Amino acid sequence: MNNTIEKTIELKAPVARVWRALSDSREFGEWFRVRFEGPFVAGQVARGQLLYPGYEHLKFEMLIKEMQAEKLFSYTWHPYAVDPKADYSQETPTLVEFTLHKAAGGTRLTVKESGFENIPAARRAEAFRMNSDGWAAQVRNIEGYLARHA
């Protein structure tokens, strides 16, 4: 099994605009469907409430790792942590990295999630599958968001 998910999309928006959609917690939350409690700050946990239909009962949490303006936004989280009765705190989180590169028509955005080999075997394959499908949807979500909010 592959332990890394990678999705790339060409966005018709300048790097600075894509960066804002990633690094501003309100904008990120709108296309990612999470209402965050506050801004993203490197080294701090960002908490919020999921707004995705069917998952509204779940809290959302990620540790912001790096915020290199207009280049890299990364965080760690517990992938597909959707069982409210489960304690995921002892699991090693995966790393999500958004990298931005100037492209002819705007910005090439790559989303990479790695570290699935550290997820417990009992839920690893499902977490990988759900997140692979999820990232495919999320790159379309940010594309649509940017088209509506130029």
Protein backbone atom coordinates (compact mmCIF):
# COMPACT_ATOMS: atom_id res chain seq x y z
CA MET A 1 0.00 0.00 0.00
CA ASN A 2 1.16 3.50 -0.80
CA ASN A 3 1.56 5.65 2.30
CA THR A 4 1.33 9.05 0.60
CA ILE A 5 -1.53 10.84 -1.13
CA GLU A 6 -0.68 13.55 -3.64
CA LYS A 7 -3.07 15.73 -5.66
CA THR A 8 -2.09 18.61 -7.95
CA ILE A 9 -4.32 21.22 -9.57
CA GLU A 10 -3.73 24.28 -11.73
CA LEU A 11 -5.69 27.19 -10.28
CA LYS A 12 -6.63 30.30 -12.25
CA ALA A 13 -5.61 32.62 -9.43
CA PRO A 14 -2.35 34.32 -8.47
CA VAL A 15 -0.15 32.69 -5.84
CA ALA A 16 -0.95 35.45 -3.33
CA ARG A 17 -4.70 34.76 -3.66
CA VAL A 18 -4.28 30.99 -3.28
CA TRP A 19 -2.04 31.57 -0.28
CA ARG A 20 -4.76 33.64 1.40
CA ALA A 21 -7.35 30.90 0.76
CA LEU A 22 -5.02 28.45 2.52
CA SER A 23 -3.55 30.50 5.35
CA ASP A 24 -6.59 32.50 6.47
CA SER A 25 -8.60 30.24 8.77
CA ARG A 26 -11.93 31.80 7.73
CA GLU A 27 -11.24 31.30 4.02
CA PHE A 28 -9.78 27.82 4.52
CA GLY A 29 -12.79 26.91 6.62
CA GLU A 30 -15.23 28.05 3.96
CA TRP A 31 -13.93 25.76 1.21
CA PHE A 32 -12.85 22.96 3.59
CA ARG A 33 -16.13 23.13 5.55
CA VAL A 34 -14.87 23.82 9.06
CA ARG A 35 -15.71 26.76 11.33
CA PHE A 36 -12.44 27.53 13.12
CA GLU A 37 -12.26 29.21 16.52
CA GLY A 38 -9.41 31.54 15.57
CA PRO A 39 -6.57 32.28 13.17
CA PHE A 40 -3.90 29.83 12.01
CA VAL A 41 -0.61 30.28 13.85
CA ALA A 42 2.45 28.10 13.23
CA GLY A 43 3.13 25.88 16.23
CA GLN A 44 -0.43 26.13 17.55
CA VAL A 45 -3.45 23.87 17.38
CA ALA A 46 -6.34 25.10 15.25
CA ARG A 47 -9.72 23.90 16.49
CA GLY A 48 -13.14 24.07 14.96
CA GLN A 49 -16.44 22.46 14.14
CA LEU A 50 -16.92 20.35 11.01
CA LEU A 51 -19.62 21.68 8.69
CA TYR A 52 -19.48 18.84 6.15
CA PRO A 53 -22.95 17.25 5.79
CA GLY A 54 -23.21 14.15 7.94
CA TYR A 55 -20.18 15.09 10.07
CA GLU A 56 -21.46 18.27 11.74
CA HIS A 57 -21.40 16.54 15.13
CA LEU A 58 -17.59 16.27 15.03
CA LYS A 59 -14.94 18.64 16.33
CA PHE A 60 -11.93 19.31 14.10
CA GLU A 61 -8.34 19.77 15.19
CA MET A 62 -5.00 20.22 13.45
CA LEU A 63 -1.55 21.38 14.53
CA ILE A 64 -0.23 24.10 12.23
CA LYS A 65 3.37 23.18 11.42
CA GLU A 66 4.67 25.66 8.85
CA MET A 67 3.44 28.83 7.19
CA GLN A 68 5.99 29.97 4.61
CA ALA A 69 4.16 32.81 2.87
CA GLU A 70 3.08 31.97 -0.66
CA LYS A 71 5.14 28.73 -0.63
CA LEU A 72 4.14 26.17 1.99
CA PHE A 73 1.31 25.64 4.45
CA SER A 74 1.42 22.44 6.50
CA TYR A 75 -0.25 20.80 9.44
CA THR A 76 -0.62 17.45 11.16
CA TRP A 77 -3.88 15.77 12.01
CA HIS A 78 -5.51 12.42 12.65
CA PRO A 79 -6.85 11.28 9.26
CA TYR A 80 -10.44 10.13 8.99
CA ALA A 81 -10.90 10.43 12.75
CA VAL A 82 -14.70 10.25 12.57
CA ASP A 83 -15.69 7.88 15.38
CA PRO A 84 -16.71 10.15 18.29
CA LYS A 85 -16.17 7.25 20.71
CA ALA A 86 -12.58 6.58 19.60
CA ASP A 87 -9.51 8.15 21.20
CA TYR A 88 -7.09 9.04 18.41
CA SER A 89 -4.72 11.01 20.67
CA GLN A 90 -2.17 8.21 20.95
CA GLU A 91 -1.88 7.76 17.17
CA THR A 92 0.90 9.40 15.20
CA PRO A 93 -0.76 12.04 13.01
CA THR A 94 -0.20 12.38 9.28
CA LEU A 95 1.42 15.44 7.71
CA VAL A 96 -0.51 17.53 5.18
CA GLU A 97 1.50 19.91 2.99
CA PHE A 98 0.18 22.46 0.52
CA THR A 99 2.88 23.74 -1.82
CA LEU A 100 2.33 26.60 -4.23
CA HIS A 101 4.21 27.33 -7.45
CA LYS A 102 3.63 30.07 -9.99
CA ALA A 103 2.22 28.61 -13.21
CA ALA A 104 1.40 30.09 -16.63
CA GLY A 105 -2.32 30.41 -15.85
CA GLY A 106 -1.98 31.19 -12.16
CA THR A 107 -0.88 28.74 -9.46
CA ARG A 108 0.00 25.07 -9.34
CA LEU A 109 -1.16 23.75 -5.96
CA THR A 110 0.02 20.37 -4.71
CA VAL A 111 -1.52 18.73 -1.66
CA LYS A 112 0.46 15.89 -0.14
CA GLU A 113 -0.51 13.82 2.88
CA SER A 114 2.10 11.43 4.24
CA GLY A 115 2.59 9.15 7.21
CA PHE A 116 -0.19 6.61 6.75
CA GLU A 117 2.26 3.83 7.65
CA ASN A 118 1.97 5.07 11.25
CA ILE A 119 -1.81 4.73 11.39
CA PRO A 120 -2.98 1.57 13.18
CA ALA A 121 -3.40 -1.30 10.71
CA ALA A 122 -7.06 -1.76 11.64
CA ARG A 123 -8.00 1.62 10.17
CA ARG A 124 -5.10 2.46 7.83
CA ALA A 125 -6.61 1.34 4.50
CA GLU A 126 -9.95 3.05 5.14
CA ALA A 127 -8.28 6.29 6.30
CA PHE A 128 -6.08 6.29 3.19
CA ARG A 129 -9.00 5.61 0.85
CA MET A 130 -11.28 8.19 2.45
CA ASN A 131 -8.58 10.87 2.47
CA SER A 132 -7.52 10.12 -1.10
CA ASP A 133 -11.11 10.65 -2.22
CA GLY A 134 -11.39 13.61 0.15
CA TRP A 135 -8.36 15.42 -1.27
CA ALA A 136 -9.66 14.91 -4.80
CA ALA A 137 -12.85 16.69 -3.69
CA GLN A 138 -11.02 19.37 -1.70
CA VAL A 139 -8.83 20.51 -4.61
CA ARG A 140 -12.05 20.98 -6.59
CA ASN A 141 -13.53 22.84 -3.60
CA ILE A 142 -10.67 25.33 -3.44
CA GLU A 143 -10.85 25.75 -7.21
CA GLY A 144 -14.55 26.58 -7.00
CA TYR A 145 -14.03 28.82 -3.99
CA LEU A 146 -11.36 30.83 -5.82
CA ALA A 147 -13.56 31.13 -8.90
CA ARG A 148 -16.34 32.64 -6.74
CA HIS A 149 -14.04 34.80 -4.57
CA ALA A 150 -11.41 36.15 -6.96
